[in-house]
Amino acid sequence: LRTLSDAELEAQHDNKASSTEMGLSYYLDEMRARQQTKINE
C-alpha cells in the first residue's frame, strides 16, 4: 500500500467504489480530512 503512487491509489479506490456501499463514517472522514486541510493552510 505504501509503495503505490497517488494515481495508483486513486485508481484502486475508484475501482472498488463502484461496487461498495459506504456508511456515514466515510463521509465524516472526508469532511474531517477537508477540515484538516483547511486548518493546515
PDB file of all heavy atoms in Angstrom:
ATOM      1  N   LEU A   1       0.826  -1.205   0.000  1.00  0.00           N
ATOM      2  CA  LEU A   1       0.000   0.000   0.000  1.00  0.00           C
ATOM      3  C   LEU A   1       0.859   1.253   0.000  1.00  0.00           C
ATOM      4  O   LEU A   1       0.574   2.223  -0.711  1.00  0.00           O
ATOM      5  CB  LEU A   1      -0.925  -0.015   1.216  1.00  0.00           C
ATOM      6  CG  LEU A   1      -2.046   1.007   1.252  1.00  0.00           C
ATOM      7  CD1 LEU A   1      -2.974   0.829   0.061  1.00  0.00           C
ATOM      8  CD2 LEU A   1      -2.829   0.888   2.543  1.00  0.00           C
ATOM      9  N   ARG A   2       1.929   1.240   0.765  1.00  0.00           N
ATOM     10  CA  ARG A   2       2.804   2.409   0.859  1.00  0.00           C
ATOM     11  C   ARG A   2       3.613   2.633  -0.411  1.00  0.00           C
ATOM     12  O   ARG A   2       4.076   3.744  -0.656  1.00  0.00           O
ATOM     13  CB  ARG A   2       3.724   2.278   2.065  1.00  0.00           C
ATOM     14  CG  ARG A   2       2.969   2.436   3.364  1.00  0.00           C
ATOM     15  CD  ARG A   2       3.857   2.360   4.579  1.00  0.00           C
ATOM     16  NE  ARG A   2       3.057   2.521   5.780  1.00  0.00           N
ATOM     17  CZ  ARG A   2       3.204   1.795   6.867  1.00  0.00           C
ATOM     18  NH1 ARG A   2       4.129   0.858   6.923  1.00  0.00           N
ATOM     19  NH2 ARG A   2       2.435   2.005   7.915  1.00  0.00           N
ATOM     20  N   THR A   3       3.797   1.594  -1.210  1.00  0.00           N
ATOM     21  CA  THR A   3       4.571   1.747  -2.443  1.00  0.00           C
ATOM     22  C   THR A   3       3.723   2.247  -3.610  1.00  0.00           C
ATOM     23  O   THR A   3       4.266   2.633  -4.631  1.00  0.00           O
ATOM     24  CB  THR A   3       5.245   0.421  -2.850  1.00  0.00           C
ATOM     25  OG1 THR A   3       4.247  -0.563  -3.067  1.00  0.00           O
ATOM     26  CG2 THR A   3       6.233  -0.045  -1.797  1.00  0.00           C
ATOM     27  N   LEU A   4       2.394   2.252  -3.457  1.00  0.00           N
ATOM     28  CA  LEU A   4       1.526   2.728  -4.525  1.00  0.00           C
ATOM     29  C   LEU A   4       1.663   4.247  -4.690  1.00  0.00           C
ATOM     30  O   LEU A   4       1.761   4.972  -3.706  1.00  0.00           O
ATOM     31  CB  LEU A   4       0.055   2.409  -4.223  1.00  0.00           C
ATOM     32  CG  LEU A   4      -0.364   0.945  -4.255  1.00  0.00           C
ATOM     33  CD1 LEU A   4      -1.824   0.803  -3.817  1.00  0.00           C
ATOM     34  CD2 LEU A   4      -0.190   0.353  -5.643  1.00  0.00           C
ATOM     35  N   SER A   5       1.665   4.696  -5.931  1.00  0.00           N
ATOM     36  CA  SER A   5       1.656   6.138  -6.177  1.00  0.00           C
ATOM     37  C   SER A   5       0.254   6.666  -5.877  1.00  0.00           C
ATOM     38  O   SER A   5      -0.695   5.895  -5.734  1.00  0.00           O
ATOM     39  CB  SER A   5       2.026   6.431  -7.631  1.00  0.00           C
ATOM     40  OG  SER A   5       0.981   5.990  -8.485  1.00  0.00           O
ATOM     41  N   ASP A   6       0.127   7.981  -5.806  1.00  0.00           N
ATOM     42  CA  ASP A   6      -1.186   8.588  -5.571  1.00  0.00           C
ATOM     43  C   ASP A   6      -2.168   8.193  -6.670  1.00  0.00           C
ATOM     44  O   ASP A   6      -3.324   7.887  -6.406  1.00  0.00           O
ATOM     45  CB  ASP A   6      -1.076  10.105  -5.485  1.00  0.00           C
ATOM     46  CG  ASP A   6      -0.386  10.570  -4.209  1.00  0.00           C
ATOM     47  OD1 ASP A   6      -0.223   9.748  -3.284  1.00  0.00           O
ATOM     48  OD2 ASP A   6      -0.029  11.757  -4.131  1.00  0.00           O
ATOM     49  N   ALA A   7      -1.689   8.196  -7.922  1.00  0.00           N
ATOM     50  CA  ALA A   7      -2.564   7.849  -9.053  1.00  0.00           C
ATOM     51  C   ALA A   7      -3.025   6.391  -8.960  1.00  0.00           C
ATOM     52  O   ALA A   7      -4.194   6.078  -9.215  1.00  0.00           O
ATOM     53  CB  ALA A   7      -1.845   8.098 -10.369  1.00  0.00           C
ATOM     54  N   GLU A   8      -2.107   5.505  -8.590  1.00  0.00           N
ATOM     55  CA  GLU A   8      -2.477   4.090  -8.448  1.00  0.00           C
ATOM     56  C   GLU A   8      -3.473   3.904  -7.307  1.00  0.00           C
ATOM     57  O   GLU A   8      -4.427   3.131  -7.430  1.00  0.00           O
ATOM     58  CB  GLU A   8      -1.227   3.240  -8.193  1.00  0.00           C
ATOM     59  CG  GLU A   8      -0.295   3.140  -9.379  1.00  0.00           C
ATOM     60  CD  GLU A   8       1.032   2.501  -9.007  1.00  0.00           C
ATOM     61  OE1 GLU A   8       1.508   2.698  -7.874  1.00  0.00           O
ATOM     62  OE2 GLU A   8       1.585   1.799  -9.865  1.00  0.00           O
ATOM     63  N   LEU A   9      -3.256   4.602  -6.220  1.00  0.00           N
ATOM     64  CA  LEU A   9      -4.153   4.505  -5.074  1.00  0.00           C
ATOM     65  C   LEU A   9      -5.544   5.016  -5.441  1.00  0.00           C
ATOM     66  O   LEU A   9      -6.556   4.391  -5.098  1.00  0.00           O
ATOM     67  CB  LEU A   9      -3.578   5.297  -3.898  1.00  0.00           C
ATOM     68  CG  LEU A   9      -4.236   5.106  -2.545  1.00  0.00           C
ATOM     69  CD1 LEU A   9      -4.195   3.649  -2.114  1.00  0.00           C
ATOM     70  CD2 LEU A   9      -3.551   5.975  -1.513  1.00  0.00           C
ATOM     71  N   GLU A  10      -5.599   6.133  -6.161  1.00  0.00           N
ATOM     72  CA  GLU A  10      -6.892   6.664  -6.605  1.00  0.00           C
ATOM     73  C   GLU A  10      -7.591   5.684  -7.545  1.00  0.00           C
ATOM     74  O   GLU A  10      -8.806   5.490  -7.465  1.00  0.00           O
ATOM     75  CB  GLU A  10      -6.705   8.015  -7.293  1.00  0.00           C
ATOM     76  CG  GLU A  10      -6.391   9.134  -6.330  1.00  0.00           C
ATOM     77  CD  GLU A  10      -6.131  10.451  -7.034  1.00  0.00           C
ATOM     78  OE1 GLU A  10      -6.459  10.575  -8.243  1.00  0.00           O
ATOM     79  OE2 GLU A  10      -5.615  11.368  -6.382  1.00  0.00           O
ATOM     80  N   ALA A  11      -6.835   5.064  -8.447  1.00  0.00           N
ATOM     81  CA  ALA A  11      -7.417   4.095  -9.385  1.00  0.00           C
ATOM     82  C   ALA A  11      -7.972   2.884  -8.631  1.00  0.00           C
ATOM     83  O   ALA A  11      -9.074   2.403  -8.950  1.00  0.00           O
ATOM     84  CB  ALA A  11      -6.364   3.650 -10.399  1.00  0.00           C
ATOM     85  N   GLN A  12      -7.258   2.413  -7.638  1.00  0.00           N
ATOM     86  CA  GLN A  12      -7.733   1.283  -6.826  1.00  0.00           C
ATOM     87  C   GLN A  12      -9.011   1.673  -6.090  1.00  0.00           C
ATOM     88  O   GLN A  12      -9.962   0.895  -6.024  1.00  0.00           O
ATOM     89  CB  GLN A  12      -6.661   0.847  -5.817  1.00  0.00           C
ATOM     90  CG  GLN A  12      -5.492   0.116  -6.441  1.00  0.00           C
ATOM     91  CD  GLN A  12      -5.901  -1.240  -6.985  1.00  0.00           C
ATOM     92  OE1 GLN A  12      -6.788  -1.920  -6.456  1.00  0.00           O
ATOM     93  NE2 GLN A  12      -5.257  -1.647  -8.059  1.00  0.00           N
ATOM     94  N   HIS A  13      -9.030   2.873  -5.536  1.00  0.00           N
ATOM     95  CA  HIS A  13     -10.219   3.350  -4.823  1.00  0.00           C
ATOM     96  C   HIS A  13     -11.416   3.406  -5.761  1.00  0.00           C
ATOM     97  O   HIS A  13     -12.494   2.908  -5.447  1.00  0.00           O
ATOM     98  CB  HIS A  13      -9.960   4.730  -4.214  1.00  0.00           C
ATOM     99  CG  HIS A  13     -11.182   5.343  -3.625  1.00  0.00           C
ATOM    100  ND1 HIS A  13     -12.074   6.076  -4.371  1.00  0.00           N
ATOM    101  CD2 HIS A  13     -11.687   5.314  -2.365  1.00  0.00           C
ATOM    102  CE1 HIS A  13     -13.069   6.464  -3.611  1.00  0.00           C
ATOM    103  NE2 HIS A  13     -12.854   6.025  -2.376  1.00  0.00           N
ATOM    104  N   ASP A  14     -11.230   4.043  -6.927  1.00  0.00           N
ATOM    105  CA  ASP A  14     -12.332   4.201  -7.869  1.00  0.00           C
ATOM    106  C   ASP A  14     -12.842   2.847  -8.367  1.00  0.00           C
ATOM    107  O   ASP A  14     -14.045   2.668  -8.569  1.00  0.00           O
ATOM    108  CB  ASP A  14     -11.898   5.073  -9.048  1.00  0.00           C
ATOM    109  CG  ASP A  14     -11.642   6.513  -8.632  1.00  0.00           C
ATOM    110  OD1 ASP A  14     -12.045   6.891  -7.508  1.00  0.00           O
ATOM    111  OD2 ASP A  14     -11.037   7.256  -9.420  1.00  0.00           O
ATOM    112  N   ASN A  15     -11.950   1.891  -8.529  1.00  0.00           N
ATOM    113  CA  ASN A  15     -12.333   0.549  -8.958  1.00  0.00           C
ATOM    114  C   ASN A  15     -13.216  -0.128  -7.909  1.00  0.00           C
ATOM    115  O   ASN A  15     -14.234  -0.735  -8.235  1.00  0.00           O
ATOM    116  CB  ASN A  15     -11.071  -0.281  -9.237  1.00  0.00           C
ATOM    117  CG  ASN A  15     -11.391  -1.625  -9.829  1.00  0.00           C
ATOM    118  OD1 ASN A  15     -12.442  -1.825 -10.429  1.00  0.00           O
ATOM    119  ND2 ASN A  15     -10.469  -2.551  -9.671  1.00  0.00           N
ATOM    120  N   LYS A  16     -12.837  -0.016  -6.650  1.00  0.00           N
ATOM    121  CA  LYS A  16     -13.606  -0.643  -5.570  1.00  0.00           C
ATOM    122  C   LYS A  16     -14.888   0.129  -5.247  1.00  0.00           C
ATOM    123  O   LYS A  16     -15.886  -0.447  -4.837  1.00  0.00           O
ATOM    124  CB  LYS A  16     -12.764  -0.738  -4.289  1.00  0.00           C
ATOM    125  CG  LYS A  16     -11.526  -1.576  -4.407  1.00  0.00           C
ATOM    126  CD  LYS A  16     -11.854  -3.030  -4.506  1.00  0.00           C
ATOM    127  CE  LYS A  16     -10.550  -3.820  -4.554  1.00  0.00           C
ATOM    128  NZ  LYS A  16     -10.746  -5.181  -4.952  1.00  0.00           N
ATOM    129  N   ALA A  17     -14.859   1.448  -5.453  1.00  0.00           N
ATOM    130  CA  ALA A  17     -16.002   2.287  -5.073  1.00  0.00           C
ATOM    131  C   ALA A  17     -17.262   1.964  -5.863  1.00  0.00           C
ATOM    132  O   ALA A  17     -18.371   2.132  -5.360  1.00  0.00           O
ATOM    133  CB  ALA A  17     -15.644   3.758  -5.248  1.00  0.00           C
ATOM    134  N   SER A  18     -17.101   1.487  -7.088  1.00  0.00           N
ATOM    135  CA  SER A  18     -18.280   1.209  -7.909  1.00  0.00           C
ATOM    136  C   SER A  18     -19.086   0.013  -7.402  1.00  0.00           C
ATOM    137  O   SER A  18     -20.260  -0.114  -7.721  1.00  0.00           O
ATOM    138  CB  SER A  18     -17.855   0.966  -9.364  1.00  0.00           C
ATOM    139  OG  SER A  18     -17.022  -0.177  -9.437  1.00  0.00           O
ATOM    140  N   SER A  19     -18.456  -0.820  -6.592  1.00  0.00           N
ATOM    141  CA  SER A  19     -19.167  -1.997  -6.090  1.00  0.00           C
ATOM    142  C   SER A  19     -19.259  -2.037  -4.565  1.00  0.00           C
ATOM    143  O   SER A  19     -19.507  -3.075  -3.984  1.00  0.00           O
ATOM    144  CB  SER A  19     -18.464  -3.270  -6.584  1.00  0.00           C
ATOM    145  OG  SER A  19     -17.155  -3.325  -6.081  1.00  0.00           O
ATOM    146  N   THR A  20     -19.049  -0.884  -3.926  1.00  0.00           N
ATOM    147  CA  THR A  20     -19.038  -0.838  -2.464  1.00  0.00           C
ATOM    148  C   THR A  20     -20.066   0.172  -1.982  1.00  0.00           C
ATOM    149  O   THR A  20     -20.210   1.251  -2.548  1.00  0.00           O
ATOM    150  CB  THR A  20     -17.642  -0.404  -1.959  1.00  0.00           C
ATOM    151  OG1 THR A  20     -16.682  -1.315  -2.466  1.00  0.00           O
ATOM    152  CG2 THR A  20     -17.578  -0.401  -0.453  1.00  0.00           C
ATOM    153  N   GLU A  21     -20.773  -0.171  -0.918  1.00  0.00           N
ATOM    154  CA  GLU A  21     -21.700   0.773  -0.300  1.00  0.00           C
ATOM    155  C   GLU A  21     -21.034   1.330   0.944  1.00  0.00           C
ATOM    156  O   GLU A  21     -20.556   0.588   1.799  1.00  0.00           O
ATOM    157  CB  GLU A  21     -23.007   0.073   0.079  1.00  0.00           C
ATOM    158  CG  GLU A  21     -24.075   1.037   0.530  1.00  0.00           C
ATOM    159  CD  GLU A  21     -25.424   0.359   0.692  1.00  0.00           C
ATOM    160  OE1 GLU A  21     -25.771  -0.496  -0.124  1.00  0.00           O
ATOM    161  OE2 GLU A  21     -26.094   0.710   1.673  1.00  0.00           O
ATOM    162  N   MET A  22     -21.024   2.653   1.036  1.00  0.00           N
ATOM    163  CA  MET A  22     -20.307   3.302   2.125  1.00  0.00           C
ATOM    164  C   MET A  22     -21.269   3.707   3.236  1.00  0.00           C
ATOM    165  O   MET A  22     -22.414   4.063   2.980  1.00  0.00           O
ATOM    166  CB  MET A  22     -19.581   4.542   1.615  1.00  0.00           C
ATOM    167  CG  MET A  22     -18.626   4.267   0.455  1.00  0.00           C
ATOM    168  SD  MET A  22     -17.486   2.895   0.712  1.00  0.00           S
ATOM    169  CE  MET A  22     -16.515   3.514   2.030  1.00  0.00           C
ATOM    170  N   GLY A  23     -20.756   3.696   4.449  1.00  0.00           N
ATOM    171  CA  GLY A  23     -21.527   4.134   5.600  1.00  0.00           C
ATOM    172  C   GLY A  23     -21.296   5.612   5.876  1.00  0.00           C
ATOM    173  O   GLY A  23     -20.566   6.298   5.161  1.00  0.00           O
ATOM    174  N   LEU A  24     -21.900   6.096   6.932  1.00  0.00           N
ATOM    175  CA  LEU A  24     -21.777   7.511   7.284  1.00  0.00           C
ATOM    176  C   LEU A  24     -20.348   7.908   7.631  1.00  0.00           C
ATOM    177  O   LEU A  24     -19.938   9.042   7.371  1.00  0.00           O
ATOM    178  CB  LEU A  24     -22.704   7.838   8.449  1.00  0.00           C
ATOM    179  CG  LEU A  24     -24.197   7.827   8.131  1.00  0.00           C
ATOM    180  CD1 LEU A  24     -24.997   8.102   9.395  1.00  0.00           C
ATOM    181  CD2 LEU A  24     -24.530   8.842   7.062  1.00  0.00           C
ATOM    182  N   SER A  25     -19.593   7.000   8.221  1.00  0.00           N
ATOM    183  CA  SER A  25     -18.232   7.345   8.622  1.00  0.00           C
ATOM    184  C   SER A  25     -17.373   7.721   7.411  1.00  0.00           C
ATOM    185  O   SER A  25     -16.448   8.522   7.526  1.00  0.00           O
ATOM    186  CB  SER A  25     -17.583   6.198   9.393  1.00  0.00           C
ATOM    187  OG  SER A  25     -17.452   5.063   8.570  1.00  0.00           O
ATOM    188  N   TYR A  26     -17.680   7.177   6.257  1.00  0.00           N
ATOM    189  CA  TYR A  26     -16.948   7.512   5.028  1.00  0.00           C
ATOM    190  C   TYR A  26     -17.049   9.015   4.756  1.00  0.00           C
ATOM    191  O   TYR A  26     -16.056   9.677   4.467  1.00  0.00           O
ATOM    192  CB  TYR A  26     -17.540   6.713   3.868  1.00  0.00           C
ATOM    193  CG  TYR A  26     -16.921   6.984   2.527  1.00  0.00           C
ATOM    194  CD1 TYR A  26     -15.697   6.440   2.179  1.00  0.00           C
ATOM    195  CD2 TYR A  26     -17.573   7.781   1.596  1.00  0.00           C
ATOM    196  CE1 TYR A  26     -15.134   6.676   0.943  1.00  0.00           C
ATOM    197  CE2 TYR A  26     -17.019   8.026   0.351  1.00  0.00           C
ATOM    198  CZ  TYR A  26     -15.802   7.465   0.027  1.00  0.00           C
ATOM    199  OH  TYR A  26     -15.244   7.703  -1.201  1.00  0.00           O
ATOM    200  N   TYR A  27     -18.253   9.541   4.860  1.00  0.00           N
ATOM    201  CA  TYR A  27     -18.473  10.962   4.608  1.00  0.00           C
ATOM    202  C   TYR A  27     -17.912  11.822   5.736  1.00  0.00           C
ATOM    203  O   TYR A  27     -17.348  12.895   5.493  1.00  0.00           O
ATOM    204  CB  TYR A  27     -19.973  11.233   4.406  1.00  0.00           C
ATOM    205  CG  TYR A  27     -20.511  10.486   3.216  1.00  0.00           C
ATOM    206  CD1 TYR A  27     -21.230   9.306   3.373  1.00  0.00           C
ATOM    207  CD2 TYR A  27     -20.259  10.941   1.923  1.00  0.00           C
ATOM    208  CE1 TYR A  27     -21.704   8.610   2.272  1.00  0.00           C
ATOM    209  CE2 TYR A  27     -20.734  10.245   0.820  1.00  0.00           C
ATOM    210  CZ  TYR A  27     -21.453   9.075   0.998  1.00  0.00           C
ATOM    211  OH  TYR A  27     -21.900   8.393  -0.086  1.00  0.00           O
ATOM    212  N   LEU A  28     -18.039  11.342   6.967  1.00  0.00           N
ATOM    213  CA  LEU A  28     -17.474  12.081   8.100  1.00  0.00           C
ATOM    214  C   LEU A  28     -15.952  12.156   7.992  1.00  0.00           C
ATOM    215  O   LEU A  28     -15.353  13.197   8.270  1.00  0.00           O
ATOM    216  CB  LEU A  28     -17.885  11.428   9.421  1.00  0.00           C
ATOM    217  CG  LEU A  28     -19.364  11.528   9.779  1.00  0.00           C
ATOM    218  CD1 LEU A  28     -19.654  10.703  11.031  1.00  0.00           C
ATOM    219  CD2 LEU A  28     -19.775  12.970   9.986  1.00  0.00           C
ATOM    220  N   ASP A  29     -15.330  11.063   7.583  1.00  0.00           N
ATOM    221  CA  ASP A  29     -13.880  11.058   7.414  1.00  0.00           C
ATOM    222  C   ASP A  29     -13.448  12.047   6.334  1.00  0.00           C
ATOM    223  O   ASP A  29     -12.449  12.746   6.476  1.00  0.00           O
ATOM    224  CB  ASP A  29     -13.378   9.656   7.061  1.00  0.00           C
ATOM    225  CG  ASP A  29     -13.466   8.682   8.217  1.00  0.00           C
ATOM    226  OD1 ASP A  29     -13.628   9.138   9.373  1.00  0.00           O
ATOM    227  OD2 ASP A  29     -13.395   7.466   7.972  1.00  0.00           O
ATOM    228  N   GLU A  30     -14.204  12.110   5.240  1.00  0.00           N
ATOM    229  CA  GLU A  30     -13.876  13.055   4.172  1.00  0.00           C
ATOM    230  C   GLU A  30     -14.040  14.490   4.656  1.00  0.00           C
ATOM    231  O   GLU A  30     -13.202  15.360   4.366  1.00  0.00           O
ATOM    232  CB  GLU A  30     -14.748  12.805   2.943  1.00  0.00           C
ATOM    233  CG  GLU A  30     -14.502  13.775   1.803  1.00  0.00           C
ATOM    234  CD  GLU A  30     -13.090  13.741   1.244  1.00  0.00           C
ATOM    235  OE1 GLU A  30     -12.405  12.708   1.378  1.00  0.00           O
ATOM    236  OE2 GLU A  30     -12.663  14.756   0.669  1.00  0.00           O
ATOM    237  N   MET A  31     -15.097  14.762   5.417  1.00  0.00           N
ATOM    238  CA  MET A  31     -15.295  16.110   5.954  1.00  0.00           C
ATOM    239  C   MET A  31     -14.167  16.479   6.909  1.00  0.00           C
ATOM    240  O   MET A  31     -13.663  17.608   6.888  1.00  0.00           O
ATOM    241  CB  MET A  31     -16.659  16.213   6.648  1.00  0.00           C
ATOM    242  CG  MET A  31     -17.803  16.183   5.651  1.00  0.00           C
ATOM    243  SD  MET A  31     -19.502  16.426   6.271  1.00  0.00           S
ATOM    244  CE  MET A  31     -19.480  16.077   7.965  1.00  0.00           C
ATOM    245  N   ARG A  32     -13.742  15.529   7.743  1.00  0.00           N
ATOM    246  CA  ARG A  32     -12.628  15.789   8.660  1.00  0.00           C
ATOM    247  C   ARG A  32     -11.341  16.061   7.891  1.00  0.00           C
ATOM    248  O   ARG A  32     -10.552  16.936   8.259  1.00  0.00           O
ATOM    249  CB  ARG A  32     -12.423  14.605   9.605  1.00  0.00           C
ATOM    250  CG  ARG A  32     -13.312  14.640  10.802  1.00  0.00           C
ATOM    251  CD  ARG A  32     -12.900  13.571  11.835  1.00  0.00           C
ATOM    252  NE  ARG A  32     -14.105  13.075  12.456  1.00  0.00           N
ATOM    253  CZ  ARG A  32     -14.706  11.922  12.179  1.00  0.00           C
ATOM    254  NH1 ARG A  32     -14.181  11.109  11.298  1.00  0.00           N
ATOM    255  NH2 ARG A  32     -15.805  11.563  12.786  1.00  0.00           N
ATOM    256  N   ALA A  33     -11.100  15.301   6.839  1.00  0.00           N
ATOM    257  CA  ALA A  33      -9.884  15.493   6.044  1.00  0.00           C
ATOM    258  C   ALA A  33      -9.877  16.874   5.399  1.00  0.00           C
ATOM    259  O   ALA A  33      -8.847  17.563   5.390  1.00  0.00           O
ATOM    260  CB  ALA A  33      -9.776  14.410   4.976  1.00  0.00           C
ATOM    261  N   ARG A  34     -11.019  17.296   4.876  1.00  0.00           N
ATOM    262  CA  ARG A  34     -11.097  18.627   4.271  1.00  0.00           C
ATOM    263  C   ARG A  34     -10.907  19.717   5.314  1.00  0.00           C
ATOM    264  O   ARG A  34     -10.234  20.722   5.074  1.00  0.00           O
ATOM    265  CB  ARG A  34     -12.437  18.807   3.562  1.00  0.00           C
ATOM    266  CG  ARG A  34     -12.552  17.945   2.322  1.00  0.00           C
ATOM    267  CD  ARG A  34     -13.887  18.102   1.657  1.00  0.00           C
ATOM    268  NE  ARG A  34     -14.021  17.158   0.561  1.00  0.00           N
ATOM    269  CZ  ARG A  34     -14.902  17.282  -0.408  1.00  0.00           C
ATOM    270  NH1 ARG A  34     -15.748  18.297  -0.412  1.00  0.00           N
ATOM    271  NH2 ARG A  34     -14.958  16.384  -1.368  1.00  0.00           N
ATOM    272  N   GLN A  35     -11.497  19.515   6.492  1.00  0.00           N
ATOM    273  CA  GLN A  35     -11.340  20.487   7.573  1.00  0.00           C
ATOM    274  C   GLN A  35      -9.880  20.562   8.007  1.00  0.00           C
ATOM    275  O   GLN A  35      -9.354  21.647   8.246  1.00  0.00           O
ATOM    276  CB  GLN A  35     -12.233  20.110   8.748  1.00  0.00           C
ATOM    277  CG  GLN A  35     -12.191  21.105   9.878  1.00  0.00           C
ATOM    278  CD  GLN A  35     -13.074  20.691  11.045  1.00  0.00           C
ATOM    279  OE1 GLN A  35     -13.319  19.505  11.262  1.00  0.00           O
ATOM    280  NE2 GLN A  35     -13.553  21.661  11.800  1.00  0.00           N
ATOM    281  N   GLN A  36      -9.224  19.413   8.093  1.00  0.00           N
ATOM    282  CA  GLN A  36      -7.820  19.389   8.493  1.00  0.00           C
ATOM    283  C   GLN A  36      -6.945  20.093   7.462  1.00  0.00           C
ATOM    284  O   GLN A  36      -6.015  20.826   7.814  1.00  0.00           O
ATOM    285  CB  GLN A  36      -7.335  17.948   8.698  1.00  0.00           C
ATOM    286  CG  GLN A  36      -5.952  17.851   9.307  1.00  0.00           C
ATOM    287  CD  GLN A  36      -5.881  18.472  10.685  1.00  0.00           C
ATOM    288  OE1 GLN A  36      -6.739  18.238  11.529  1.00  0.00           O
ATOM    289  NE2 GLN A  36      -4.857  19.274  10.920  1.00  0.00           N
ATOM    290  N   THR A  37      -7.262  19.909   6.190  1.00  0.00           N
ATOM    291  CA  THR A  37      -6.520  20.596   5.132  1.00  0.00           C
ATOM    292  C   THR A  37      -6.677  22.109   5.265  1.00  0.00           C
ATOM    293  O   THR A  37      -5.707  22.865   5.129  1.00  0.00           O
ATOM    294  CB  THR A  37      -7.010  20.123   3.748  1.00  0.00           C
ATOM    295  OG1 THR A  37      -6.801  18.720   3.637  1.00  0.00           O
ATOM    296  CG2 THR A  37      -6.291  20.843   2.623  1.00  0.00           C
ATOM    297  N   LYS A  38      -7.897  22.555   5.554  1.00  0.00           N
ATOM    298  CA  LYS A  38      -8.157  23.983   5.730  1.00  0.00           C
ATOM    299  C   LYS A  38      -7.390  24.516   6.947  1.00  0.00           C
ATOM    300  O   LYS A  38      -6.774  25.585   6.888  1.00  0.00           O
ATOM    301  CB  LYS A  38      -9.652  24.221   5.910  1.00  0.00           C
ATOM    302  CG  LYS A  38     -10.034  25.665   6.031  1.00  0.00           C
ATOM    303  CD  LYS A  38     -11.538  25.832   6.184  1.00  0.00           C
ATOM    304  CE  LYS A  38     -11.908  27.281   6.427  1.00  0.00           C
ATOM    305  NZ  LYS A  38     -13.319  27.470   6.699  1.00  0.00           N
ATOM    306  N   ILE A  39      -7.403  23.779   8.042  1.00  0.00           N
ATOM    307  CA  ILE A  39      -6.683  24.191   9.250  1.00  0.00           C
ATOM    308  C   ILE A  39      -5.187  24.261   8.974  1.00  0.00           C
ATOM    309  O   ILE A  39      -4.507  25.202   9.404  1.00  0.00           O
ATOM    310  CB  ILE A  39      -7.000  23.233  10.419  1.00  0.00           C
ATOM    311  CG1 ILE A  39      -8.434  23.442  10.894  1.00  0.00           C
ATOM    312  CG2 ILE A  39      -6.013  23.432  11.571  1.00  0.00           C
ATOM    313  CD1 ILE A  39      -8.919  22.388  11.874  1.00  0.00           C
ATOM    314  N   ASN A  40      -4.656  23.277   8.255  1.00  0.00           N
ATOM    315  CA  ASN A  40      -3.227  23.279   7.927  1.00  0.00           C
ATOM    316  C   ASN A  40      -2.848  24.505   7.106  1.00  0.00           C
ATOM    317  O   ASN A  40      -1.797  25.113   7.333  1.00  0.00           O
ATOM    318  CB  ASN A  40      -2.849  22.003   7.173  1.00  0.00           C
ATOM    319  CG  ASN A  40      -2.853  20.785   8.058  1.00  0.00           C
ATOM    320  OD1 ASN A  40      -2.855  20.880   9.279  1.00  0.00           O
ATOM    321  ND2 ASN A  40      -2.883  19.616   7.445  1.00  0.00           N
ATOM    322  N   GLU A  41      -3.688  24.880   6.153  1.00  0.00           N
ATOM    323  CA  GLU A  41      -3.414  26.067   5.341  1.00  0.00           C
ATOM    324  C   GLU A  41      -3.465  27.330   6.198  1.00  0.00           C
ATOM    325  O   GLU A  41      -2.611  28.212   6.061  1.00  0.00           O
ATOM    326  CB  GLU A  41      -4.409  26.165   4.182  1.00  0.00           C
ATOM    327  CG  GLU A  41      -4.215  27.373   3.306  1.00  0.00           C
ATOM    328  CD  GLU A  41      -2.861  27.461   2.648  1.00  0.00           C
ATOM    329  OE1 GLU A  41      -2.180  26.423   2.490  1.00  0.00           O
ATOM    330  OE2 GLU A  41      -2.456  28.583   2.301  1.00  0.00           O
TER     331      GLU A  41
END
